[in-house]
Every structure is written in C-alpha cells, then in structure tokens.
C-alpha cells in the first residue's frame, strides 16, 4: 500500500491505480480505525476496483467545546490495518494541504443538515461537506463509501453529490456493532469500564422502540420510554427522534422508510446511533 501526503504524488498515484481501466473507490476516515472502518474497505473491494482510504482529522467539523485535541491519532497502527485489509493507497494529507493559507470556501447543505446534529453541533456539517468535497476533487473516485452509523452525515453527502453533479456513487454500509450491540466508534475508547457496560442501553432502547413503532404502538410513547431507559442508564439525551429516512423530517408516514436516530452523552462521551424502522405490520 502506498502512503501519500502531497497532492502531486496523489494525482500520480491515482493515475497509476487507474492504469488498465480500474475504477477507484474512496473510503474517507478520520483515523483511529476499527472493525467498522474495515467493513467499509471490504465493501469497497471488487474485481477491477482499487481502494483508496483517506485519514484526515478535519478541524472544521469540530465545535469549540468538542474533542479535536483529544481525538485519537494512530497513524502507524491505522496504516498497518489498512495494508492488512487490502487497501491500495492511503491519502494522508497534512492540514496545510487541505486548508492552505488564505482558504476561504465553505459548502453548506440546507435541509437534511438543519435538525438533529445540525442543531447540537452548529457548523459541523459545513465542515463535513467542505472536506468531503475536497477529498472527492482530490481523489476523483467512482464510488465513495460511508457508514450508516453517521446517518445524517450520509444524507448530507448524498444531497451534496446530487446538487453539485459530482457523478460519484455514494454507498452506505450498515453499522458495525460489538457483540452486545453497541455501535463501533472511535470515541468508544473514551468510555471507562462502567460507562462501556452502561452504553449498551443505547442500542437496546432504540431496538425496543423501533419494534414497538413497527407494530403500530404510539410513536411518542415508544420514544418517551426509550428516553427514560437511557436516563436510567446514566445518559444525558441530546435527541431521540423518529425521522423520514430520506428527508430527516419527522417520520409520521408509516408507508415511508423511517429511521430512529439518537445522540446521548454518557460521562463526557457523546454517542450516536440509529435503527431502521420496518414497515408497520398489517399496514
């Protein structure tokens, strides 16, 4: 696997990967890789396709009180994991390459970015959209893969790609989980043993609520019960909502695909998760 840190070398490396007609898949990450990221690499691997991963801890998507300085950075270990997973090229740009002196452009995606994390983390999705647009222009992939755990992020990127005519296929990959159901996340390393044991309440509460809503129980009641379960487990709930899976507006129509989405803090660690709500039984 090549590791590249300059744009000139990246363009040369991508050109070499495309020799012979291969297509290119991009897996953007912020590093601190785990099995969830490796599932993205595995999903990207296809005959006749080369896989590029990027690692960049993007400062513009962190708020002033968030964990940019604490965010785990494990470059050597991440590179080994990508090599073993069969990645072909690692794009590892420094901040000055991504945001050179005088950088003055921002991409803002309306609609799907405005609720949920858009309220809790002002400016976050502007940072996400801007850096992902830069990665797309740098790597020029045919397909890019993102985890469904960051469901709102995935919606924002899909909207941006459609609106700006990138011509890139966006593939969502199902959330990867530990054996007890907790969604894999680089931030899970911040949890102490007691918090990690309690954190399983998040996927369990979502699972109970999703099943209740699917069978036709009152959605507000199911959400209230889920919030109570999270509070009892020690969480401070940021949001817990039932939304339309396409628009991320309130999911009131059982005939449409819906998603149960949540963000909550346990200790100082903010976790997010989501579950699909299947069509209502006997609808």
C-alpha atoms as a PDB file:
ATOM      1  CA  UNK A   1       0.000   0.000   0.000  1.00  0.00           C
ATOM      2  CA  UNK A   2       1.261   3.454  -0.924  1.00  0.00           C
ATOM      3  CA  UNK A   3       1.075   6.227   1.671  1.00  0.00           C
ATOM      4  CA  UNK A   4       0.875   9.666   0.061  1.00  0.00           C
ATOM      5  CA  UNK A   5       0.935  13.123   1.654  1.00  0.00           C
ATOM      6  CA  UNK A   6       1.133  15.602  -1.250  1.00  0.00           C
ATOM      7  CA  UNK A   7      -1.361  16.436  -3.979  1.00  0.00           C
ATOM      8  CA  UNK A   8       1.179  16.000  -6.750  1.00  0.00           C
ATOM      9  CA  UNK A   9       2.042  12.491  -5.557  1.00  0.00           C
ATOM     10  CA  UNK A  10      -1.656  11.703  -5.045  1.00  0.00           C
ATOM     11  CA  UNK A  11      -2.553  12.552  -8.634  1.00  0.00           C
ATOM     12  CA  UNK A  12       0.324  10.444  -9.890  1.00  0.00           C
ATOM     13  CA  UNK A  13      -0.672   7.576  -7.609  1.00  0.00           C
ATOM     14  CA  UNK A  14      -4.342   7.687  -8.629  1.00  0.00           C
ATOM     15  CA  UNK A  15      -3.319   7.725 -12.282  1.00  0.00           C
ATOM     16  CA  UNK A  16      -1.221   4.614 -11.742  1.00  0.00           C
ATOM     17  CA  UNK A  17      -4.125   2.857  -9.994  1.00  0.00           C
ATOM     18  CA  UNK A  18      -6.370   3.598 -12.962  1.00  0.00           C
ATOM     19  CA  UNK A  19      -3.921   2.147 -15.490  1.00  0.00           C
ATOM     20  CA  UNK A  20      -5.580  -0.758 -17.239  1.00  0.00           C
ATOM     21  CA  UNK A  21      -9.085   0.575 -16.694  1.00  0.00           C
ATOM     22  CA  UNK A  22      -9.523   0.046 -12.950  1.00  0.00           C
ATOM     23  CA  UNK A  23     -12.144   2.100 -11.108  1.00  0.00           C
ATOM     24  CA  UNK A  24     -11.412   3.793  -7.780  1.00  0.00           C
ATOM     25  CA  UNK A  25     -13.327   3.554  -4.508  1.00  0.00           C
ATOM     26  CA  UNK A  26     -12.733   6.061  -1.711  1.00  0.00           C
ATOM     27  CA  UNK A  27     -13.231   5.399   1.998  1.00  0.00           C
ATOM     28  CA  UNK A  28     -12.833   8.713   3.873  1.00  0.00           C
ATOM     29  CA  UNK A  29     -11.948   8.396   7.573  1.00  0.00           C
ATOM     30  CA  UNK A  30     -10.560  10.402  10.472  1.00  0.00           C
ATOM     31  CA  UNK A  31      -8.346   7.509  11.549  1.00  0.00           C
ATOM     32  CA  UNK A  32      -8.423   5.621  14.865  1.00  0.00           C
ATOM     33  CA  UNK A  33      -9.611   2.752  12.721  1.00  0.00           C
ATOM     34  CA  UNK A  34     -11.711  -0.155  13.965  1.00  0.00           C
ATOM     35  CA  UNK A  35     -13.717  -3.020  12.504  1.00  0.00           C
ATOM     36  CA  UNK A  36     -16.370  -0.607  11.255  1.00  0.00           C
ATOM     37  CA  UNK A  37     -13.843   1.106   9.003  1.00  0.00           C
ATOM     38  CA  UNK A  38     -12.502  -2.243   7.829  1.00  0.00           C
ATOM     39  CA  UNK A  39     -16.040  -3.221   6.829  1.00  0.00           C
ATOM     40  CA  UNK A  40     -16.044  -0.169   4.548  1.00  0.00           C
ATOM     41  CA  UNK A  41     -12.753  -1.289   2.986  1.00  0.00           C
ATOM     42  CA  UNK A  42     -14.140  -4.792   2.496  1.00  0.00           C
ATOM     43  CA  UNK A  43     -17.311  -3.438   0.888  1.00  0.00           C
ATOM     44  CA  UNK A  44     -15.184  -1.299  -1.433  1.00  0.00           C
ATOM     45  CA  UNK A  45     -13.123  -4.215  -2.728  1.00  0.00           C
ATOM     46  CA  UNK A  46     -14.369  -5.556  -6.056  1.00  0.00           C
ATOM     47  CA  UNK A  47     -12.647  -7.089  -9.102  1.00  0.00           C
ATOM     48  CA  UNK A  48     -11.307  -4.302 -11.268  1.00  0.00           C
ATOM     49  CA  UNK A  49     -11.549  -1.714  -8.476  1.00  0.00           C
ATOM     50  CA  UNK A  50      -8.758  -0.082  -6.486  1.00  0.00           C
ATOM     51  CA  UNK A  51      -9.393   1.097  -2.925  1.00  0.00           C
ATOM     52  CA  UNK A  52      -8.175   4.432  -1.563  1.00  0.00           C
ATOM     53  CA  UNK A  53      -8.591   5.338   2.115  1.00  0.00           C
ATOM     54  CA  UNK A  54      -8.058   8.816   3.464  1.00  0.00           C
ATOM     55  CA  UNK A  55      -7.180   9.766   7.031  1.00  0.00           C
ATOM     56  CA  UNK A  56      -7.662  13.393   7.991  1.00  0.00           C
ATOM     57  CA  UNK A  57      -8.823  14.688  11.360  1.00  0.00           C
ATOM     58  CA  UNK A  58     -10.819  17.603   9.992  1.00  0.00           C
ATOM     59  CA  UNK A  59     -10.661  20.629  12.317  1.00  0.00           C
ATOM     60  CA  UNK A  60     -13.567  22.447  10.646  1.00  0.00           C
ATOM     61  CA  UNK A  61     -16.130  19.870  11.748  1.00  0.00           C
ATOM     62  CA  UNK A  62     -15.279  20.186  15.454  1.00  0.00           C
ATOM     63  CA  UNK A  63     -17.005  22.805  17.585  1.00  0.00           C
ATOM     64  CA  UNK A  64     -15.144  24.999  20.108  1.00  0.00           C
ATOM     65  CA  UNK A  65     -16.039  22.713  23.035  1.00  0.00           C
ATOM     66  CA  UNK A  66     -15.504  19.405  21.218  1.00  0.00           C
ATOM     67  CA  UNK A  67     -12.663  16.921  21.295  1.00  0.00           C
ATOM     68  CA  UNK A  68     -10.348  17.873  18.397  1.00  0.00           C
ATOM     69  CA  UNK A  69      -7.240  17.888  20.583  1.00  0.00           C
ATOM     70  CA  UNK A  70      -8.234  14.615  22.262  1.00  0.00           C
ATOM     71  CA  UNK A  71      -9.313  12.827  19.109  1.00  0.00           C
ATOM     72  CA  UNK A  72      -7.172   9.664  18.844  1.00  0.00           C
ATOM     73  CA  UNK A  73      -4.407   9.704  16.235  1.00  0.00           C
ATOM     74  CA  UNK A  74      -2.769   6.349  15.494  1.00  0.00           C
ATOM     75  CA  UNK A  75      -1.186   6.752  12.081  1.00  0.00           C
ATOM     76  CA  UNK A  76       1.193   3.788  12.134  1.00  0.00           C
ATOM     77  CA  UNK A  77      -1.383   1.351  13.535  1.00  0.00           C
ATOM     78  CA  UNK A  78      -4.013   2.595  11.087  1.00  0.00           C
ATOM     79  CA  UNK A  79      -1.646   2.136   8.143  1.00  0.00           C
ATOM     80  CA  UNK A  80      -0.939  -1.444   9.205  1.00  0.00           C
ATOM     81  CA  UNK A  81      -4.650  -2.204   9.460  1.00  0.00           C
ATOM     82  CA  UNK A  82      -5.310  -0.776   6.006  1.00  0.00           C
ATOM     83  CA  UNK A  83      -2.432  -2.737   4.494  1.00  0.00           C
ATOM     84  CA  UNK A  84      -3.708  -5.971   6.014  1.00  0.00           C
ATOM     85  CA  UNK A  85      -7.234  -5.175   4.802  1.00  0.00           C
ATOM     86  CA  UNK A  86      -6.049  -4.889   1.191  1.00  0.00           C
ATOM     87  CA  UNK A  87      -6.240  -1.115   0.731  1.00  0.00           C
ATOM     88  CA  UNK A  88      -4.219   0.065  -2.273  1.00  0.00           C
ATOM     89  CA  UNK A  89      -3.451   3.686  -1.345  1.00  0.00           C
ATOM     90  CA  UNK A  90      -3.602   5.784   1.812  1.00  0.00           C
ATOM     91  CA  UNK A  91      -4.119   9.540   1.358  1.00  0.00           C
ATOM     92  CA  UNK A  92      -2.748  11.189   4.479  1.00  0.00           C
ATOM     93  CA  UNK A  93      -2.738  14.945   3.887  1.00  0.00           C
ATOM     94  CA  UNK A  94      -1.491  17.435   6.478  1.00  0.00           C
ATOM     95  CA  UNK A  95      -3.714  20.353   7.496  1.00  0.00           C
ATOM     96  CA  UNK A  96      -1.765  22.808   5.347  1.00  0.00           C
ATOM     97  CA  UNK A  97      -2.555  20.774   2.229  1.00  0.00           C
ATOM     98  CA  UNK A  98      -6.262  20.601   2.987  1.00  0.00           C
ATOM     99  CA  UNK A  99      -6.560  24.177   4.232  1.00  0.00           C
ATOM    100  CA  UNK A 100      -3.705  26.258   2.812  1.00  0.00           C
ATOM    101  CA  UNK A 101      -3.182  29.863   3.826  1.00  0.00           C
ATOM    102  CA  UNK A 102      -5.999  32.006   2.507  1.00  0.00           C
ATOM    103  CA  UNK A 103      -8.533  29.169   2.263  1.00  0.00           C
ATOM    104  CA  UNK A 104     -11.937  30.889   2.178  1.00  0.00           C
ATOM    105  CA  UNK A 105     -14.565  28.495   0.789  1.00  0.00           C
ATOM    106  CA  UNK A 106     -17.337  26.692   2.667  1.00  0.00           C
ATOM    107  CA  UNK A 107     -20.026  24.307   1.412  1.00  0.00           C
ATOM    108  CA  UNK A 108     -23.363  24.395   3.210  1.00  0.00           C
ATOM    109  CA  UNK A 109     -26.103  21.844   2.547  1.00  0.00           C
ATOM    110  CA  UNK A 110     -29.567  23.015   3.571  1.00  0.00           C
ATOM    111  CA  UNK A 111     -32.478  20.817   4.632  1.00  0.00           C
ATOM    112  CA  UNK A 112     -31.041  17.498   5.777  1.00  0.00           C
ATOM    113  CA  UNK A 113     -28.279  19.236   7.766  1.00  0.00           C
ATOM    114  CA  UNK A 114     -30.529  21.500   9.797  1.00  0.00           C
ATOM    115  CA  UNK A 115     -32.029  19.267  12.511  1.00  0.00           C
ATOM    116  CA  UNK A 116     -30.551  16.687  14.891  1.00  0.00           C
ATOM    117  CA  UNK A 117     -26.755  17.150  14.942  1.00  0.00           C
ATOM    118  CA  UNK A 118     -27.192  20.323  12.915  1.00  0.00           C
ATOM    119  CA  UNK A 119     -28.793  21.893  15.990  1.00  0.00           C
ATOM    120  CA  UNK A 120     -26.483  20.304  18.541  1.00  0.00           C
ATOM    121  CA  UNK A 121     -23.283  20.958  16.586  1.00  0.00           C
ATOM    122  CA  UNK A 122     -23.620  24.254  14.659  1.00  0.00           C
ATOM    123  CA  UNK A 123     -21.342  24.383  11.633  1.00  0.00           C
ATOM    124  CA  UNK A 124     -20.451  20.694  11.866  1.00  0.00           C
ATOM    125  CA  UNK A 125     -21.982  19.681   8.552  1.00  0.00           C
ATOM    126  CA  UNK A 126     -20.490  22.666   6.747  1.00  0.00           C
ATOM    127  CA  UNK A 127     -17.112  21.297   7.793  1.00  0.00           C
ATOM    128  CA  UNK A 128     -18.065  17.772   6.719  1.00  0.00           C
ATOM    129  CA  UNK A 129     -19.403  18.851   3.318  1.00  0.00           C
ATOM    130  CA  UNK A 130     -16.402  21.055   2.602  1.00  0.00           C
ATOM    131  CA  UNK A 131     -13.760  18.473   3.437  1.00  0.00           C
ATOM    132  CA  UNK A 132     -15.596  15.653   1.642  1.00  0.00           C
ATOM    133  CA  UNK A 133     -15.958  17.828  -1.466  1.00  0.00           C
ATOM    134  CA  UNK A 134     -12.206  18.468  -1.331  1.00  0.00           C
ATOM    135  CA  UNK A 135     -11.483  14.743  -0.960  1.00  0.00           C
ATOM    136  CA  UNK A 136     -13.738  13.995  -3.932  1.00  0.00           C
ATOM    137  CA  UNK A 137     -11.920  16.547  -6.089  1.00  0.00           C
ATOM    138  CA  UNK A 138      -8.506  15.309  -4.945  1.00  0.00           C
ATOM    139  CA  UNK A 139      -9.095  11.570  -5.397  1.00  0.00           C
ATOM    140  CA  UNK A 140     -11.826  11.726  -8.092  1.00  0.00           C
ATOM    141  CA  UNK A 141     -13.286   8.350  -7.156  1.00  0.00           C
ATOM    142  CA  UNK A 142     -16.027   6.476  -8.984  1.00  0.00           C
ATOM    143  CA  UNK A 143     -17.650   5.425  -5.706  1.00  0.00           C
ATOM    144  CA  UNK A 144     -17.303   6.515  -2.081  1.00  0.00           C
ATOM    145  CA  UNK A 145     -18.410   4.507   0.950  1.00  0.00           C
ATOM    146  CA  UNK A 146     -19.678   5.804   4.291  1.00  0.00           C
ATOM    147  CA  UNK A 147     -21.047   4.066   7.382  1.00  0.00           C
ATOM    148  CA  UNK A 148     -24.749   4.284   8.173  1.00  0.00           C
ATOM    149  CA  UNK A 149     -23.940   4.958  11.844  1.00  0.00           C
ATOM    150  CA  UNK A 150     -23.435   8.594  10.832  1.00  0.00           C
ATOM    151  CA  UNK A 151     -26.835   8.585   9.144  1.00  0.00           C
ATOM    152  CA  UNK A 152     -27.298  12.351   8.909  1.00  0.00           C
ATOM    153  CA  UNK A 153     -23.788  12.764   7.535  1.00  0.00           C
ATOM    154  CA  UNK A 154     -24.606  10.203   4.846  1.00  0.00           C
ATOM    155  CA  UNK A 155     -27.760  12.146   3.923  1.00  0.00           C
ATOM    156  CA  UNK A 156     -25.801  15.417   3.728  1.00  0.00           C
ATOM    157  CA  UNK A 157     -23.183  13.890   1.439  1.00  0.00           C
ATOM    158  CA  UNK A 158     -25.789  12.338  -0.837  1.00  0.00           C
ATOM    159  CA  UNK A 159     -27.549  15.697  -1.150  1.00  0.00           C
ATOM    160  CA  UNK A 160     -24.289  17.499  -1.914  1.00  0.00           C
ATOM    161  CA  UNK A 161     -23.257  14.965  -4.546  1.00  0.00           C
ATOM    162  CA  UNK A 162     -26.647  15.234  -6.268  1.00  0.00           C
ATOM    163  CA  UNK A 163     -26.771  19.035  -6.112  1.00  0.00           C
ATOM    164  CA  UNK A 164     -23.204  19.630  -7.319  1.00  0.00           C
ATOM    165  CA  UNK A 165     -23.165  16.950 -10.067  1.00  0.00           C
ATOM    166  CA  UNK A 166     -20.149  15.107  -8.704  1.00  0.00           C
ATOM    167  CA  UNK A 167     -21.045  11.966 -10.638  1.00  0.00           C
ATOM    168  CA  UNK A 168     -19.877   9.764  -7.767  1.00  0.00           C
ATOM    169  CA  UNK A 169     -21.860   6.793  -6.462  1.00  0.00           C
ATOM    170  CA  UNK A 170     -22.417   7.020  -2.699  1.00  0.00           C
ATOM    171  CA  UNK A 171     -22.793   3.692  -0.886  1.00  0.00           C
ATOM    172  CA  UNK A 172     -23.955   3.418   2.702  1.00  0.00           C
ATOM    173  CA  UNK A 173     -22.603   0.456   4.659  1.00  0.00           C
ATOM    174  CA  UNK A 174     -24.554  -0.966   7.619  1.00  0.00           C
ATOM    175  CA  UNK A 175     -23.444  -0.052  11.127  1.00  0.00           C
ATOM    176  CA  UNK A 176     -20.940  -2.476  12.616  1.00  0.00           C
ATOM    177  CA  UNK A 177     -21.529  -3.440  16.257  1.00  0.00           C
ATOM    178  CA  UNK A 178     -19.822  -5.138  19.173  1.00  0.00           C
ATOM    179  CA  UNK A 179     -21.255  -8.439  20.370  1.00  0.00           C
ATOM    180  CA  UNK A 180     -23.523  -6.633  22.849  1.00  0.00           C
ATOM    181  CA  UNK A 181     -24.920  -4.340  20.160  1.00  0.00           C
ATOM    182  CA  UNK A 182     -23.023  -1.100  20.815  1.00  0.00           C
ATOM    183  CA  UNK A 183     -22.169   0.637  17.552  1.00  0.00           C
ATOM    184  CA  UNK A 184     -18.437   0.685  16.871  1.00  0.00           C
ATOM    185  CA  UNK A 185     -16.978   4.182  17.158  1.00  0.00           C
ATOM    186  CA  UNK A 186     -13.536   5.695  17.570  1.00  0.00           C
ATOM    187  CA  UNK A 187     -14.948   7.561  20.568  1.00  0.00           C
ATOM    188  CA  UNK A 188     -15.768   4.337  22.431  1.00  0.00           C
ATOM    189  CA  UNK A 189     -12.174   4.317  23.724  1.00  0.00           C
ATOM    190  CA  UNK A 190     -13.100   7.288  25.944  1.00  0.00           C
ATOM    191  CA  UNK A 191     -15.537   5.132  27.940  1.00  0.00           C
ATOM    192  CA  UNK A 192     -14.379   3.675  31.247  1.00  0.00           C
ATOM    193  CA  UNK A 193     -15.472   0.154  32.159  1.00  0.00           C
ATOM    194  CA  UNK A 194     -18.664   1.227  33.930  1.00  0.00           C
ATOM    195  CA  UNK A 195     -19.661   3.597  31.133  1.00  0.00           C
ATOM    196  CA  UNK A 196     -18.943   0.959  28.498  1.00  0.00           C
ATOM    197  CA  UNK A 197     -21.174  -1.517  30.340  1.00  0.00           C
ATOM    198  CA  UNK A 198     -23.963   1.074  30.612  1.00  0.00           C
ATOM    199  CA  UNK A 199     -23.629   2.242  26.996  1.00  0.00           C
ATOM    200  CA  UNK A 200     -25.375  -0.852  25.667  1.00  0.00           C
ATOM    201  CA  UNK A 201     -28.615   0.775  26.856  1.00  0.00           C
ATOM    202  CA  UNK A 202     -28.483   2.972  23.736  1.00  0.00           C
ATOM    203  CA  UNK A 203     -28.909   0.264  21.062  1.00  0.00           C
ATOM    204  CA  UNK A 204     -31.260  -1.691  23.330  1.00  0.00           C
ATOM    205  CA  UNK A 205     -33.574   1.286  23.882  1.00  0.00           C
ATOM    206  CA  UNK A 206     -33.605   2.021  20.146  1.00  0.00           C
ATOM    207  CA  UNK A 207     -34.336  -1.615  19.351  1.00  0.00           C
ATOM    208  CA  UNK A 208     -37.306  -1.790  21.731  1.00  0.00           C
ATOM    209  CA  UNK A 209     -38.719   1.487  20.414  1.00  0.00           C
ATOM    210  CA  UNK A 210     -38.258   0.506  16.762  1.00  0.00           C
ATOM    211  CA  UNK A 211     -40.130  -2.768  17.274  1.00  0.00           C
ATOM    212  CA  UNK A 212     -42.949  -1.013  19.125  1.00  0.00           C
ATOM    213  CA  UNK A 213     -43.366   1.599  16.394  1.00  0.00           C
ATOM    214  CA  UNK A 214     -43.231  -1.058  13.673  1.00  0.00           C
ATOM    215  CA  UNK A 215     -46.123  -2.977  15.210  1.00  0.00           C
ATOM    216  CA  UNK A 216     -48.231   0.179  15.428  1.00  0.00           C
ATOM    217  CA  UNK A 217     -47.730   1.336  19.012  1.00  0.00           C
ATOM    218  CA  UNK A 218     -47.862   5.056  19.702  1.00  0.00           C
ATOM    219  CA  UNK A 219     -44.566   6.516  18.492  1.00  0.00           C
ATOM    220  CA  UNK A 220     -44.453   9.283  21.094  1.00  0.00           C
ATOM    221  CA  UNK A 221     -44.943   6.753  23.862  1.00  0.00           C
ATOM    222  CA  UNK A 222     -42.228   4.489  22.461  1.00  0.00           C
ATOM    223  CA  UNK A 223     -39.802   7.411  22.239  1.00  0.00           C
ATOM    224  CA  UNK A 224     -40.638   8.529  25.788  1.00  0.00           C
ATOM    225  CA  UNK A 225     -39.954   5.023  27.111  1.00  0.00           C
ATOM    226  CA  UNK A 226     -36.644   4.912  25.262  1.00  0.00           C
ATOM    227  CA  UNK A 227     -35.606   8.263  26.748  1.00  0.00           C
ATOM    228  CA  UNK A 228     -36.475   7.027  30.232  1.00  0.00           C
ATOM    229  CA  UNK A 229     -34.377   3.905  29.712  1.00  0.00           C
ATOM    230  CA  UNK A 230     -31.399   5.986  28.598  1.00  0.00           C
ATOM    231  CA  UNK A 231     -31.682   8.387  31.524  1.00  0.00           C
ATOM    232  CA  UNK A 232     -31.915   5.443  33.924  1.00  0.00           C
ATOM    233  CA  UNK A 233     -28.686   4.066  32.421  1.00  0.00           C
ATOM    234  CA  UNK A 234     -26.866   7.330  33.070  1.00  0.00           C
ATOM    235  CA  UNK A 235     -27.190   9.022  29.688  1.00  0.00           C
ATOM    236  CA  UNK A 236     -27.957  12.677  29.087  1.00  0.00           C
ATOM    237  CA  UNK A 237     -30.122  12.593  25.961  1.00  0.00           C
ATOM    238  CA  UNK A 238     -29.351  15.138  23.262  1.00  0.00           C
ATOM    239  CA  UNK A 239     -32.051  13.948  20.858  1.00  0.00           C
ATOM    240  CA  UNK A 240     -34.092  10.827  20.181  1.00  0.00           C
ATOM    241  CA  UNK A 241     -36.369  11.160  17.184  1.00  0.00           C
ATOM    242  CA  UNK A 242     -38.265   9.231  14.540  1.00  0.00           C
ATOM    243  CA  UNK A 243     -37.499  10.714  11.122  1.00  0.00           C
ATOM    244  CA  UNK A 244     -38.201  10.104   7.458  1.00  0.00           C
ATOM    245  CA  UNK A 245     -35.179   8.174   6.165  1.00  0.00           C
ATOM    246  CA  UNK A 246     -34.843  10.383   3.080  1.00  0.00           C
ATOM    247  CA  UNK A 247     -35.664  13.889   4.271  1.00  0.00           C
ATOM    248  CA  UNK A 248     -34.845  13.527   8.009  1.00  0.00           C
ATOM    249  CA  UNK A 249     -38.041  15.441   8.782  1.00  0.00           C
ATOM    250  CA  UNK A 250     -40.422  13.978  11.411  1.00  0.00           C
ATOM    251  CA  UNK A 251     -41.339  10.441  10.325  1.00  0.00           C
ATOM    252  CA  UNK A 252     -45.119  10.474  10.557  1.00  0.00           C
ATOM    253  CA  UNK A 253     -45.903   8.305   7.498  1.00  0.00           C
ATOM    254  CA  UNK A 254     -45.616   4.559   8.212  1.00  0.00           C
ATOM    255  CA  UNK A 255     -45.705   3.829   4.477  1.00  0.00           C
ATOM    256  CA  UNK A 256     -42.305   5.510   4.043  1.00  0.00           C
ATOM    257  CA  UNK A 257     -38.904   4.301   5.195  1.00  0.00           C
ATOM    258  CA  UNK A 258     -38.174   5.766   8.616  1.00  0.00           C
ATOM    259  CA  UNK A 259     -35.211   5.914  10.943  1.00  0.00           C
ATOM    260  CA  UNK A 260     -34.945   6.114  14.701  1.00  0.00           C
ATOM    261  CA  UNK A 261     -31.973   8.394  15.427  1.00  0.00           C
ATOM    262  CA  UNK A 262     -30.350   9.289  18.736  1.00  0.00           C
ATOM    263  CA  UNK A 263     -27.456  11.139  20.307  1.00  0.00           C
ATOM    264  CA  UNK A 264     -26.692  10.982  24.018  1.00  0.00           C
ATOM    265  CA  UNK A 265     -23.796  11.557  26.380  1.00  0.00           C
ATOM    266  CA  UNK A 266     -22.554   9.154  28.975  1.00  0.00           C
ATOM    267  CA  UNK A 267     -19.940  10.862  31.088  1.00  0.00           C
ATOM    268  CA  UNK A 268     -18.105  13.198  28.707  1.00  0.00           C
ATOM    269  CA  UNK A 269     -18.550  10.943  25.670  1.00  0.00           C
ATOM    270  CA  UNK A 270     -21.232  11.650  23.094  1.00  0.00           C
ATOM    271  CA  UNK A 271     -22.520   8.579  21.260  1.00  0.00           C
ATOM    272  CA  UNK A 272     -24.813   8.424  18.250  1.00  0.00           C
ATOM    273  CA  UNK A 273     -26.807   5.523  16.837  1.00  0.00           C
ATOM    274  CA  UNK A 274     -29.765   4.811  14.590  1.00  0.00           C
ATOM    275  CA  UNK A 275     -32.008   1.965  13.520  1.00  0.00           C
ATOM    276  CA  UNK A 276     -34.268   1.460  10.554  1.00  0.00           C
ATOM    277  CA  UNK A 277     -37.952   1.179  11.430  1.00  0.00           C
ATOM    278  CA  UNK A 278     -39.524  -1.541   9.283  1.00  0.00           C
ATOM    279  CA  UNK A 279     -42.919  -1.016   7.664  1.00  0.00           C
ATOM    280  CA  UNK A 280     -45.793  -1.160  10.091  1.00  0.00           C
ATOM    281  CA  UNK A 281     -47.179  -4.650  10.468  1.00  0.00           C
ATOM    282  CA  UNK A 282     -50.624  -5.146   8.866  1.00  0.00           C
ATOM    283  CA  UNK A 283     -50.481  -1.625   7.396  1.00  0.00           C
END
